[in-house]
């Protein structure tokens, strides 16, 4: 009898909203904290995911991810494995600049940031080969340890786009078609023969009331 291969299911969560001082800023590896809304988003995310079962949980080491993960881990009664290589990409000289400043200061359109990173156009930024390599290593570890299981990953918008790039076997610059909002959830099912996006950029905190109901 034919038995369909069980998928490895990746639940990818971007950290919640960051402090207002960093809104529309290329934060990258600045270790910023969450805003008051971000902490509320994290609590509602915990209500949405707290009743679910995950075989493995991985997080970036950065403060904004740890603060997002804290109420969820408390709800699950679990600890997460920290993977240093899940930290956000280094934006080099763009770091700390707002989106609208990039054209004036560096002569390029910030809306095309994925393409500029891919082409090596951003001075002192992390190389695309290096960025891809460390995220690939993280993905291989998570897929290996969590094969045919449910895996929760809390990380960053750029990291989620790189994970999608690797899983879908498409250029990083093409991932601009995928919006990745604060405290959003994307679910990927991976089998040896194919990868499917089952849910993308769902924001539980927009739909949950204070009592946890929709």
N, C-alpha and C. Protein backbone atom coordinates (compact mmCIF):
# COMPACT_ATOMS: atom_id res chain seq x y z
N UNK A 1 0.83 -1.19 0.00
CA UNK A 1 0.00 0.00 0.00
C UNK A 1 0.87 1.24 0.00
N UNK A 2 0.50 2.24 -0.78
CA UNK A 2 1.27 3.49 -0.88
C UNK A 2 1.03 4.35 0.35
N UNK A 3 2.12 4.79 0.97
CA UNK A 3 2.04 5.71 2.10
C UNK A 3 2.73 7.01 1.72
N UNK A 4 1.97 8.09 1.73
CA UNK A 4 2.54 9.37 1.36
C UNK A 4 3.56 9.83 2.40
N UNK A 5 4.66 10.36 1.93
CA UNK A 5 5.71 10.85 2.81
C UNK A 5 5.17 11.94 3.73
N UNK A 6 5.45 11.82 5.01
CA UNK A 6 5.04 12.83 5.97
C UNK A 6 5.90 14.08 5.80
N UNK A 7 5.30 15.26 5.80
CA UNK A 7 6.11 16.47 5.58
C UNK A 7 6.83 16.92 6.84
N UNK A 8 7.89 17.68 6.63
CA UNK A 8 8.47 18.48 7.70
C UNK A 8 7.75 19.82 7.63
N UNK A 9 7.11 20.21 8.71
CA UNK A 9 6.28 21.42 8.71
C UNK A 9 7.01 22.52 9.48
N UNK A 10 7.38 23.57 8.76
CA UNK A 10 8.08 24.71 9.35
C UNK A 10 7.10 25.84 9.63
N UNK A 11 7.03 26.28 10.87
CA UNK A 11 6.23 27.44 11.26
C UNK A 11 7.21 28.59 11.47
N UNK A 12 7.22 29.55 10.54
CA UNK A 12 8.17 30.65 10.57
C UNK A 12 7.49 31.90 11.11
N UNK A 13 8.01 32.43 12.19
CA UNK A 13 7.42 33.61 12.84
C UNK A 13 8.44 34.75 12.85
N UNK A 14 8.02 35.89 12.32
CA UNK A 14 8.86 37.08 12.44
C UNK A 14 8.63 37.72 13.81
N UNK A 15 9.66 38.32 14.36
CA UNK A 15 9.53 39.02 15.64
C UNK A 15 8.46 40.10 15.57
N UNK A 16 7.97 40.52 16.72
CA UNK A 16 6.94 41.54 16.81
C UNK A 16 7.52 42.93 16.54
N UNK A 17 6.62 43.93 16.56
CA UNK A 17 7.03 45.30 16.23
C UNK A 17 8.13 45.80 17.16
N UNK A 18 9.13 46.48 16.57
CA UNK A 18 10.25 47.00 17.34
C UNK A 18 9.96 48.40 17.85
N UNK A 19 10.83 48.88 18.73
CA UNK A 19 10.70 50.22 19.30
C UNK A 19 10.55 51.26 18.20
N UNK A 20 9.73 52.28 18.47
CA UNK A 20 9.40 53.28 17.45
C UNK A 20 10.62 53.96 16.84
N UNK A 21 11.68 54.09 17.59
CA UNK A 21 12.89 54.73 17.07
C UNK A 21 13.46 53.99 15.87
N UNK A 22 13.10 52.72 15.72
CA UNK A 22 13.65 51.90 14.63
C UNK A 22 12.63 51.61 13.54
N UNK A 23 11.49 52.29 13.55
CA UNK A 23 10.52 52.09 12.49
C UNK A 23 11.08 52.60 11.16
N UNK A 24 10.90 51.80 10.11
CA UNK A 24 11.37 52.13 8.76
C UNK A 24 12.88 52.39 8.74
N UNK A 25 13.58 51.70 9.61
CA UNK A 25 15.04 51.79 9.68
C UNK A 25 15.63 50.44 9.29
N UNK A 26 16.76 50.48 8.57
CA UNK A 26 17.49 49.24 8.29
C UNK A 26 18.24 48.86 9.57
N UNK A 27 17.55 48.08 10.41
CA UNK A 27 18.10 47.73 11.71
C UNK A 27 19.14 46.64 11.65
N UNK A 28 18.84 45.61 10.85
CA UNK A 28 19.80 44.52 10.69
C UNK A 28 20.25 43.94 12.02
N UNK A 29 21.52 44.11 12.34
CA UNK A 29 22.08 43.50 13.54
C UNK A 29 22.15 44.46 14.73
N UNK A 30 21.42 45.58 14.66
CA UNK A 30 21.22 46.41 15.86
C UNK A 30 20.33 45.62 16.81
N UNK A 31 20.71 45.51 18.06
CA UNK A 31 19.96 44.67 18.99
C UNK A 31 18.87 45.47 19.70
N UNK A 32 17.85 45.85 18.96
CA UNK A 32 16.76 46.69 19.46
C UNK A 32 15.72 45.88 20.23
N UNK A 33 14.91 46.57 21.01
CA UNK A 33 13.84 45.94 21.78
C UNK A 33 12.49 46.14 21.09
N UNK A 34 11.48 45.47 21.62
CA UNK A 34 10.13 45.61 21.09
C UNK A 34 9.47 46.90 21.59
N UNK A 35 8.50 47.38 20.83
CA UNK A 35 7.65 48.49 21.26
C UNK A 35 6.58 47.95 22.21
N UNK A 36 5.79 48.86 22.79
CA UNK A 36 4.69 48.40 23.64
C UNK A 36 3.69 47.58 22.83
N UNK A 37 3.42 48.00 21.58
CA UNK A 37 2.55 47.20 20.71
C UNK A 37 3.20 45.86 20.42
N UNK A 38 4.50 45.84 20.22
CA UNK A 38 5.20 44.59 19.96
C UNK A 38 5.03 43.58 21.08
N UNK A 39 5.09 44.06 22.32
CA UNK A 39 4.88 43.16 23.46
C UNK A 39 3.46 42.62 23.47
N UNK A 40 2.49 43.46 23.08
CA UNK A 40 1.10 42.99 22.99
C UNK A 40 0.94 41.98 21.87
N UNK A 41 1.59 42.23 20.74
CA UNK A 41 1.56 41.27 19.64
C UNK A 41 2.13 39.93 20.08
N UNK A 42 3.22 39.97 20.84
CA UNK A 42 3.85 38.73 21.32
C UNK A 42 2.91 37.95 22.23
N UNK A 43 2.16 38.66 23.08
CA UNK A 43 1.21 38.00 23.97
C UNK A 43 0.09 37.33 23.18
N UNK A 44 -0.40 38.03 22.15
CA UNK A 44 -1.50 37.46 21.35
C UNK A 44 -1.00 36.30 20.48
N UNK A 45 0.23 36.41 20.02
CA UNK A 45 0.83 35.29 19.30
C UNK A 45 0.90 34.06 20.19
N UNK A 46 1.24 34.28 21.45
CA UNK A 46 1.32 33.18 22.42
C UNK A 46 -0.05 32.54 22.63
N UNK A 47 -1.11 33.37 22.65
CA UNK A 47 -2.47 32.82 22.80
C UNK A 47 -2.85 31.96 21.60
N UNK A 48 -2.42 32.39 20.43
CA UNK A 48 -2.78 31.68 19.20
C UNK A 48 -2.02 30.36 19.07
N UNK A 49 -0.75 30.37 19.40
CA UNK A 49 0.09 29.18 19.20
C UNK A 49 0.30 28.35 20.47
N UNK A 50 -0.13 28.89 21.60
CA UNK A 50 0.19 28.25 22.88
C UNK A 50 -0.43 26.88 23.08
N UNK A 51 -1.51 26.57 22.37
CA UNK A 51 -2.14 25.27 22.52
C UNK A 51 -1.64 24.23 21.54
N UNK A 52 -0.69 24.61 20.71
CA UNK A 52 -0.19 23.70 19.68
C UNK A 52 1.05 22.94 20.17
N UNK A 53 1.36 21.88 19.47
CA UNK A 53 2.50 21.05 19.83
C UNK A 53 3.59 21.20 18.78
N UNK A 54 4.79 21.52 19.22
CA UNK A 54 5.94 21.63 18.33
C UNK A 54 7.02 20.68 18.82
N UNK A 55 7.58 19.95 17.88
CA UNK A 55 8.62 19.00 18.23
C UNK A 55 9.96 19.68 18.50
N UNK A 56 10.19 20.78 17.79
CA UNK A 56 11.43 21.54 17.96
C UNK A 56 11.11 23.03 17.86
N UNK A 57 11.81 23.83 18.67
CA UNK A 57 11.65 25.28 18.63
C UNK A 57 13.04 25.91 18.54
N UNK A 58 13.20 26.79 17.56
CA UNK A 58 14.49 27.47 17.34
C UNK A 58 14.26 28.97 17.32
N UNK A 59 15.21 29.73 17.87
CA UNK A 59 15.11 31.17 17.84
C UNK A 59 16.45 31.81 17.50
N UNK A 60 16.36 33.01 16.93
CA UNK A 60 17.51 33.89 16.75
C UNK A 60 17.97 34.37 18.13
N UNK A 61 19.25 34.72 18.27
CA UNK A 61 19.73 35.20 19.57
C UNK A 61 19.38 36.66 19.85
N UNK A 62 18.81 37.39 18.88
CA UNK A 62 18.64 38.83 19.02
C UNK A 62 17.50 39.18 19.97
N UNK A 63 17.64 40.30 20.68
CA UNK A 63 16.72 40.68 21.75
C UNK A 63 15.28 40.73 21.27
N UNK A 64 15.03 41.32 20.10
CA UNK A 64 13.65 41.47 19.64
C UNK A 64 12.97 40.12 19.40
N UNK A 65 13.75 39.12 19.04
CA UNK A 65 13.20 37.77 18.87
C UNK A 65 13.00 37.10 20.23
N UNK A 66 13.95 37.25 21.12
CA UNK A 66 13.81 36.66 22.46
C UNK A 66 12.58 37.22 23.17
N UNK A 67 12.35 38.54 23.05
CA UNK A 67 11.20 39.15 23.69
C UNK A 67 9.89 38.68 23.06
N UNK A 68 9.91 38.43 21.75
CA UNK A 68 8.73 37.89 21.08
C UNK A 68 8.46 36.46 21.54
N UNK A 69 9.52 35.70 21.71
CA UNK A 69 9.38 34.28 22.05
C UNK A 69 8.98 34.04 23.50
N UNK A 70 9.33 34.96 24.39
CA UNK A 70 9.18 34.70 25.83
C UNK A 70 7.76 34.30 26.24
N UNK A 71 6.70 35.08 25.89
CA UNK A 71 5.37 34.65 26.33
C UNK A 71 4.90 33.35 25.68
N UNK A 72 5.34 33.09 24.46
CA UNK A 72 4.96 31.85 23.79
C UNK A 72 5.63 30.65 24.44
N UNK A 73 6.90 30.78 24.75
CA UNK A 73 7.60 29.68 25.42
C UNK A 73 7.00 29.42 26.79
N UNK A 74 6.59 30.49 27.49
CA UNK A 74 5.93 30.32 28.79
C UNK A 74 4.62 29.56 28.61
N UNK A 75 3.85 29.92 27.56
CA UNK A 75 2.57 29.26 27.31
C UNK A 75 2.75 27.79 26.96
N UNK A 76 3.81 27.50 26.23
CA UNK A 76 4.09 26.12 25.81
C UNK A 76 4.80 25.32 26.90
N UNK A 77 5.36 26.01 27.88
CA UNK A 77 6.15 25.33 28.90
C UNK A 77 7.41 24.71 28.31
N UNK A 78 8.01 25.43 27.38
CA UNK A 78 9.15 24.91 26.63
C UNK A 78 10.32 25.87 26.66
N UNK A 79 11.48 25.35 26.30
CA UNK A 79 12.66 26.17 26.03
C UNK A 79 12.98 26.05 24.56
N UNK A 80 13.65 27.05 24.02
CA UNK A 80 14.01 27.04 22.60
C UNK A 80 15.52 26.85 22.45
N UNK A 81 15.89 26.30 21.31
CA UNK A 81 17.30 26.21 20.96
C UNK A 81 17.69 27.48 20.21
N UNK A 82 18.71 28.15 20.69
CA UNK A 82 19.19 29.38 20.05
C UNK A 82 20.19 29.01 18.96
N UNK A 83 19.93 29.51 17.76
CA UNK A 83 20.87 29.32 16.64
C UNK A 83 21.42 30.69 16.27
N UNK A 84 22.69 30.91 16.57
CA UNK A 84 23.30 32.22 16.32
C UNK A 84 23.17 32.65 14.87
N UNK A 85 23.22 31.71 13.95
CA UNK A 85 23.19 32.04 12.53
C UNK A 85 21.82 32.45 12.03
N UNK A 86 20.80 32.43 12.90
CA UNK A 86 19.48 32.91 12.51
C UNK A 86 19.33 34.42 12.74
N UNK A 87 20.40 35.10 13.15
CA UNK A 87 20.33 36.56 13.31
C UNK A 87 20.09 37.21 11.94
N UNK A 88 19.61 38.46 11.97
CA UNK A 88 19.28 39.18 10.75
C UNK A 88 20.54 39.51 9.96
N UNK A 89 20.35 39.81 8.67
CA UNK A 89 21.47 40.18 7.79
C UNK A 89 22.08 41.49 8.25
N UNK A 90 23.37 41.66 8.02
CA UNK A 90 24.09 42.89 8.32
C UNK A 90 23.98 43.82 7.11
N UNK A 91 23.37 44.98 7.30
CA UNK A 91 23.15 45.93 6.22
C UNK A 91 24.32 46.88 5.96
N UNK A 92 25.43 46.65 6.58
CA UNK A 92 26.60 47.47 6.31
C UNK A 92 26.34 48.95 6.55
N UNK A 93 26.72 49.81 5.60
CA UNK A 93 26.60 51.26 5.77
C UNK A 93 25.14 51.73 5.80
N UNK A 94 24.22 50.88 5.39
CA UNK A 94 22.80 51.25 5.47
C UNK A 94 22.27 51.15 6.91
N UNK A 95 22.97 50.43 7.76
CA UNK A 95 22.49 50.18 9.11
C UNK A 95 22.21 51.48 9.86
N UNK A 96 21.01 51.56 10.42
CA UNK A 96 20.61 52.74 11.19
C UNK A 96 19.97 53.84 10.38
N UNK A 97 19.98 53.72 9.05
CA UNK A 97 19.36 54.73 8.19
C UNK A 97 17.92 54.36 7.90
N UNK A 98 17.06 55.38 7.82
CA UNK A 98 15.67 55.16 7.44
C UNK A 98 15.58 54.91 5.93
N UNK A 99 14.49 54.27 5.55
CA UNK A 99 14.30 53.92 4.14
C UNK A 99 14.40 55.14 3.24
N UNK A 100 13.77 56.26 3.65
CA UNK A 100 13.73 57.43 2.78
C UNK A 100 15.09 58.12 2.65
N UNK A 101 16.04 57.77 3.51
CA UNK A 101 17.37 58.38 3.45
C UNK A 101 18.31 57.69 2.47
N UNK A 102 17.97 56.47 2.07
CA UNK A 102 18.90 55.67 1.27
C UNK A 102 19.15 56.29 -0.10
N UNK A 103 18.11 56.79 -0.76
CA UNK A 103 18.28 57.41 -2.08
C UNK A 103 19.22 58.61 -1.99
N UNK A 104 19.00 59.46 -1.01
CA UNK A 104 19.80 60.67 -0.86
C UNK A 104 21.25 60.36 -0.50
N UNK A 105 21.45 59.42 0.40
CA UNK A 105 22.79 59.15 0.90
C UNK A 105 23.60 58.22 0.01
N UNK A 106 22.89 57.25 -0.63
CA UNK A 106 23.61 56.21 -1.36
C UNK A 106 23.21 56.08 -2.82
N UNK A 107 22.22 56.87 -3.25
CA UNK A 107 21.87 56.93 -4.66
C UNK A 107 21.14 55.73 -5.22
N UNK A 108 20.49 54.96 -4.35
CA UNK A 108 19.73 53.78 -4.81
C UNK A 108 18.37 53.75 -4.11
N UNK A 109 17.46 53.00 -4.69
CA UNK A 109 16.11 52.90 -4.15
C UNK A 109 16.05 51.80 -3.10
N UNK A 110 15.68 52.17 -1.88
CA UNK A 110 15.62 51.20 -0.78
C UNK A 110 14.59 50.11 -1.02
N UNK A 111 13.58 50.38 -1.85
CA UNK A 111 12.57 49.36 -2.13
C UNK A 111 13.17 48.12 -2.77
N UNK A 112 14.32 48.29 -3.41
CA UNK A 112 15.00 47.17 -4.08
C UNK A 112 16.11 46.58 -3.21
N UNK A 113 15.94 46.62 -1.89
CA UNK A 113 17.02 46.22 -0.99
C UNK A 113 17.46 44.77 -1.17
N UNK A 114 16.55 43.88 -1.48
CA UNK A 114 16.95 42.49 -1.69
C UNK A 114 17.88 42.37 -2.89
N UNK A 115 17.55 43.07 -3.96
CA UNK A 115 18.38 43.04 -5.15
C UNK A 115 19.75 43.66 -4.89
N UNK A 116 19.78 44.78 -4.16
CA UNK A 116 21.05 45.44 -3.86
C UNK A 116 21.95 44.55 -3.00
N UNK A 117 21.35 43.86 -2.04
CA UNK A 117 22.14 42.92 -1.23
C UNK A 117 22.66 41.77 -2.09
N UNK A 118 21.77 41.23 -2.92
CA UNK A 118 22.15 40.11 -3.78
C UNK A 118 23.29 40.48 -4.72
N UNK A 119 23.26 41.73 -5.22
CA UNK A 119 24.28 42.19 -6.18
C UNK A 119 25.54 42.72 -5.51
N UNK A 120 25.54 42.78 -4.17
CA UNK A 120 26.72 43.30 -3.48
C UNK A 120 26.88 44.80 -3.60
N UNK A 121 25.75 45.52 -3.73
CA UNK A 121 25.79 46.97 -3.94
C UNK A 121 25.90 47.77 -2.65
N UNK A 122 25.71 47.12 -1.50
CA UNK A 122 25.69 47.83 -0.22
C UNK A 122 27.05 47.69 0.46
N UNK A 123 27.76 48.79 0.57
CA UNK A 123 29.11 48.76 1.13
C UNK A 123 29.10 48.22 2.56
N UNK A 124 30.07 47.36 2.83
CA UNK A 124 30.30 46.78 4.16
C UNK A 124 29.18 45.84 4.62
N UNK A 125 28.21 45.58 3.75
CA UNK A 125 27.14 44.64 4.12
C UNK A 125 27.66 43.21 4.07
N UNK A 126 26.93 42.35 4.74
CA UNK A 126 27.25 40.92 4.69
C UNK A 126 27.17 40.43 3.25
N UNK A 127 28.13 39.64 2.82
CA UNK A 127 28.10 39.14 1.45
C UNK A 127 26.92 38.19 1.27
N UNK A 128 26.37 38.15 0.07
CA UNK A 128 25.24 37.27 -0.18
C UNK A 128 25.65 35.81 -0.02
N UNK A 129 26.84 35.47 -0.45
CA UNK A 129 27.31 34.08 -0.28
C UNK A 129 27.38 33.72 1.20
N UNK A 130 27.89 34.65 2.01
CA UNK A 130 28.01 34.38 3.44
C UNK A 130 26.65 34.28 4.11
N UNK A 131 25.75 35.19 3.76
CA UNK A 131 24.41 35.19 4.34
C UNK A 131 23.66 33.92 3.96
N UNK A 132 23.69 33.59 2.68
CA UNK A 132 23.01 32.39 2.21
C UNK A 132 23.58 31.14 2.87
N UNK A 133 24.90 31.11 3.03
CA UNK A 133 25.56 29.94 3.61
C UNK A 133 25.14 29.72 5.07
N UNK A 134 25.11 30.79 5.86
CA UNK A 134 24.76 30.59 7.27
C UNK A 134 23.29 30.24 7.45
N UNK A 135 22.41 30.81 6.62
CA UNK A 135 20.99 30.45 6.72
C UNK A 135 20.76 29.04 6.19
N UNK A 136 21.49 28.67 5.14
CA UNK A 136 21.39 27.29 4.64
C UNK A 136 21.82 26.29 5.71
N UNK A 137 22.90 26.61 6.42
CA UNK A 137 23.36 25.73 7.48
C UNK A 137 22.32 25.59 8.59
N UNK A 138 21.67 26.71 8.93
CA UNK A 138 20.62 26.68 9.95
C UNK A 138 19.44 25.83 9.46
N UNK A 139 19.05 26.02 8.20
CA UNK A 139 17.94 25.27 7.64
C UNK A 139 18.24 23.77 7.62
N UNK A 140 19.42 23.41 7.21
CA UNK A 140 19.79 22.00 7.16
C UNK A 140 19.75 21.37 8.55
N UNK A 141 20.21 22.12 9.54
CA UNK A 141 20.16 21.60 10.92
C UNK A 141 18.71 21.41 11.35
N UNK A 142 17.87 22.42 11.14
CA UNK A 142 16.47 22.35 11.59
C UNK A 142 15.71 21.26 10.85
N UNK A 143 15.94 21.13 9.55
CA UNK A 143 15.27 20.10 8.76
C UNK A 143 15.75 18.71 9.14
N UNK A 144 17.03 18.61 9.50
CA UNK A 144 17.57 17.32 9.90
C UNK A 144 17.04 16.87 11.25
N UNK A 145 17.09 17.78 12.23
CA UNK A 145 16.63 17.44 13.58
C UNK A 145 15.11 17.30 13.63
N UNK A 146 14.41 18.03 12.75
CA UNK A 146 12.95 18.02 12.78
C UNK A 146 12.30 17.29 11.63
N UNK A 147 13.02 16.39 11.00
CA UNK A 147 12.49 15.68 9.83
C UNK A 147 11.15 15.04 10.12
N UNK A 148 10.16 15.33 9.25
CA UNK A 148 8.81 14.81 9.33
C UNK A 148 8.10 15.21 10.64
N UNK A 149 8.51 16.34 11.21
CA UNK A 149 7.93 16.82 12.45
C UNK A 149 7.50 18.28 12.30
N UNK A 150 6.95 18.82 13.38
CA UNK A 150 6.53 20.22 13.41
C UNK A 150 7.61 21.05 14.07
N UNK A 151 8.08 22.05 13.34
CA UNK A 151 9.20 22.87 13.78
C UNK A 151 8.76 24.34 13.84
N UNK A 152 9.03 24.99 14.94
CA UNK A 152 8.73 26.41 15.11
C UNK A 152 10.03 27.20 15.08
N UNK A 153 10.06 28.25 14.26
CA UNK A 153 11.25 29.07 14.10
C UNK A 153 10.86 30.53 14.29
N UNK A 154 11.45 31.21 15.26
CA UNK A 154 11.22 32.64 15.47
C UNK A 154 12.47 33.39 15.06
N UNK A 155 12.32 34.30 14.10
CA UNK A 155 13.51 34.96 13.56
C UNK A 155 13.16 36.33 12.99
N UNK A 156 13.63 36.64 11.79
CA UNK A 156 13.57 37.98 11.22
C UNK A 156 12.99 37.96 9.80
N UNK A 157 12.54 39.15 9.34
CA UNK A 157 11.96 39.23 8.01
C UNK A 157 12.93 38.83 6.92
N UNK A 158 14.16 39.31 6.99
CA UNK A 158 15.16 38.95 5.99
C UNK A 158 15.51 37.48 6.02
N UNK A 159 15.54 36.92 7.22
CA UNK A 159 15.85 35.49 7.37
C UNK A 159 14.73 34.64 6.79
N UNK A 160 13.49 35.04 7.05
CA UNK A 160 12.36 34.28 6.49
C UNK A 160 12.41 34.33 4.96
N UNK A 161 12.74 35.47 4.40
CA UNK A 161 12.84 35.56 2.94
C UNK A 161 13.98 34.69 2.41
N UNK A 162 15.09 34.62 3.13
CA UNK A 162 16.17 33.75 2.68
C UNK A 162 15.77 32.28 2.82
N UNK A 163 15.08 31.93 3.88
CA UNK A 163 14.59 30.55 4.01
C UNK A 163 13.66 30.20 2.87
N UNK A 164 12.77 31.12 2.51
CA UNK A 164 11.88 30.88 1.36
C UNK A 164 12.67 30.74 0.08
N UNK A 165 13.69 31.57 -0.10
CA UNK A 165 14.54 31.49 -1.29
C UNK A 165 15.17 30.11 -1.41
N UNK A 166 15.68 29.60 -0.30
CA UNK A 166 16.33 28.29 -0.31
C UNK A 166 15.32 27.16 -0.52
N UNK A 167 14.19 27.23 0.16
CA UNK A 167 13.19 26.17 0.07
C UNK A 167 12.53 26.12 -1.30
N UNK A 168 12.31 27.29 -1.90
CA UNK A 168 11.64 27.37 -3.21
C UNK A 168 12.64 27.34 -4.36
N UNK A 169 13.93 27.37 -4.02
CA UNK A 169 15.00 27.36 -5.03
C UNK A 169 14.83 28.51 -6.02
N UNK A 170 14.65 29.71 -5.48
CA UNK A 170 14.52 30.91 -6.28
C UNK A 170 15.47 31.97 -5.75
N UNK A 171 15.87 32.94 -6.59
CA UNK A 171 16.80 33.99 -6.15
C UNK A 171 16.24 34.78 -4.97
N UNK A 172 17.12 35.19 -4.09
CA UNK A 172 16.74 35.99 -2.93
C UNK A 172 16.00 37.26 -3.36
N UNK A 173 16.46 37.88 -4.44
CA UNK A 173 15.87 39.14 -4.90
C UNK A 173 14.41 38.97 -5.32
N UNK A 174 14.00 37.75 -5.65
CA UNK A 174 12.62 37.50 -6.06
C UNK A 174 11.68 37.37 -4.86
N UNK A 175 12.24 37.33 -3.67
CA UNK A 175 11.41 37.16 -2.48
C UNK A 175 10.73 38.46 -2.07
N UNK A 176 10.93 39.53 -2.84
CA UNK A 176 10.21 40.77 -2.54
C UNK A 176 8.71 40.63 -2.81
N UNK A 177 8.32 39.56 -3.45
CA UNK A 177 6.90 39.31 -3.68
C UNK A 177 6.20 38.86 -2.40
N UNK A 178 6.99 38.47 -1.39
CA UNK A 178 6.43 37.97 -0.13
C UNK A 178 6.57 39.03 0.96
N UNK A 179 5.47 39.61 1.37
CA UNK A 179 5.50 40.52 2.51
C UNK A 179 5.67 39.69 3.78
N UNK A 180 6.43 40.21 4.73
CA UNK A 180 6.62 39.52 6.01
C UNK A 180 6.43 40.55 7.12
N UNK A 181 5.23 40.62 7.67
CA UNK A 181 4.90 41.63 8.66
C UNK A 181 5.38 41.24 10.05
N UNK A 182 5.41 42.23 10.94
CA UNK A 182 5.74 41.95 12.34
C UNK A 182 4.78 40.92 12.91
N UNK A 183 5.32 39.99 13.69
CA UNK A 183 4.53 38.97 14.40
C UNK A 183 3.65 38.15 13.47
N UNK A 184 4.11 37.95 12.25
CA UNK A 184 3.35 37.16 11.28
C UNK A 184 3.83 35.71 11.25
N UNK A 185 2.94 34.85 10.79
CA UNK A 185 3.22 33.41 10.72
C UNK A 185 3.16 32.93 9.28
N UNK A 186 4.17 32.19 8.88
CA UNK A 186 4.21 31.53 7.58
C UNK A 186 4.44 30.04 7.82
N UNK A 187 3.67 29.19 7.16
CA UNK A 187 3.79 27.75 7.36
C UNK A 187 4.18 27.09 6.04
N UNK A 188 5.24 26.32 6.10
CA UNK A 188 5.79 25.62 4.93
C UNK A 188 5.78 24.12 5.19
N UNK A 189 5.31 23.35 4.21
CA UNK A 189 5.42 21.89 4.29
C UNK A 189 6.43 21.43 3.25
N UNK A 190 7.43 20.70 3.71
CA UNK A 190 8.50 20.25 2.82
C UNK A 190 8.56 18.73 2.77
N UNK A 191 8.50 18.19 1.57
CA UNK A 191 8.75 16.78 1.31
C UNK A 191 9.91 16.69 0.33
N UNK A 192 10.46 15.51 0.17
CA UNK A 192 11.61 15.36 -0.72
C UNK A 192 11.28 15.74 -2.16
N UNK A 193 10.01 15.62 -2.53
CA UNK A 193 9.60 15.90 -3.91
C UNK A 193 9.11 17.32 -4.14
N UNK A 194 8.70 18.02 -3.06
CA UNK A 194 8.16 19.35 -3.27
C UNK A 194 8.08 20.13 -1.96
N UNK A 195 7.97 21.45 -2.11
CA UNK A 195 7.77 22.36 -0.99
C UNK A 195 6.50 23.16 -1.24
N UNK A 196 5.62 23.23 -0.25
CA UNK A 196 4.35 23.95 -0.40
C UNK A 196 4.23 25.02 0.67
N UNK A 197 3.76 26.20 0.27
CA UNK A 197 3.42 27.24 1.23
C UNK A 197 1.96 27.04 1.62
N UNK A 198 1.72 26.67 2.86
CA UNK A 198 0.36 26.38 3.33
C UNK A 198 -0.31 27.63 3.91
N UNK A 199 0.50 28.56 4.41
CA UNK A 199 -0.01 29.79 4.99
C UNK A 199 1.11 30.81 4.91
N UNK A 200 0.75 32.06 4.56
CA UNK A 200 1.81 33.07 4.49
C UNK A 200 1.35 34.40 5.09
N UNK A 201 2.23 34.96 5.93
CA UNK A 201 2.08 36.31 6.47
C UNK A 201 0.75 36.50 7.21
N UNK A 202 0.33 35.46 7.93
CA UNK A 202 -0.88 35.56 8.75
C UNK A 202 -0.51 36.22 10.08
N UNK A 203 -1.28 37.23 10.48
CA UNK A 203 -1.01 37.97 11.72
C UNK A 203 -2.07 37.66 12.76
N UNK A 204 -1.84 36.67 13.61
CA UNK A 204 -2.86 36.28 14.61
C UNK A 204 -3.28 37.42 15.51
N UNK A 205 -2.36 38.31 15.82
CA UNK A 205 -2.65 39.39 16.77
C UNK A 205 -3.72 40.36 16.25
N UNK A 206 -3.92 40.39 14.91
CA UNK A 206 -4.95 41.26 14.35
C UNK A 206 -6.36 40.73 14.60
N UNK A 207 -6.45 39.42 14.86
CA UNK A 207 -7.76 38.77 14.92
C UNK A 207 -8.15 38.33 16.31
N UNK A 208 -7.20 38.28 17.23
CA UNK A 208 -7.51 37.81 18.56
C UNK A 208 -7.97 38.94 19.46
N UNK A 209 -9.02 38.68 20.23
CA UNK A 209 -9.44 39.63 21.25
C UNK A 209 -8.59 39.46 22.50
N UNK A 210 -8.83 40.30 23.50
CA UNK A 210 -8.05 40.23 24.73
C UNK A 210 -8.24 38.90 25.44
N UNK A 211 -9.39 38.24 25.19
CA UNK A 211 -9.64 36.95 25.84
C UNK A 211 -9.10 35.78 25.03
N UNK A 212 -8.43 36.10 23.89
CA UNK A 212 -7.86 35.05 23.06
C UNK A 212 -8.78 34.56 21.98
N UNK A 213 -10.04 35.00 21.98
CA UNK A 213 -10.98 34.55 20.97
C UNK A 213 -10.87 35.35 19.68
N UNK A 214 -11.34 34.75 18.58
CA UNK A 214 -11.31 35.44 17.30
C UNK A 214 -12.57 36.27 17.13
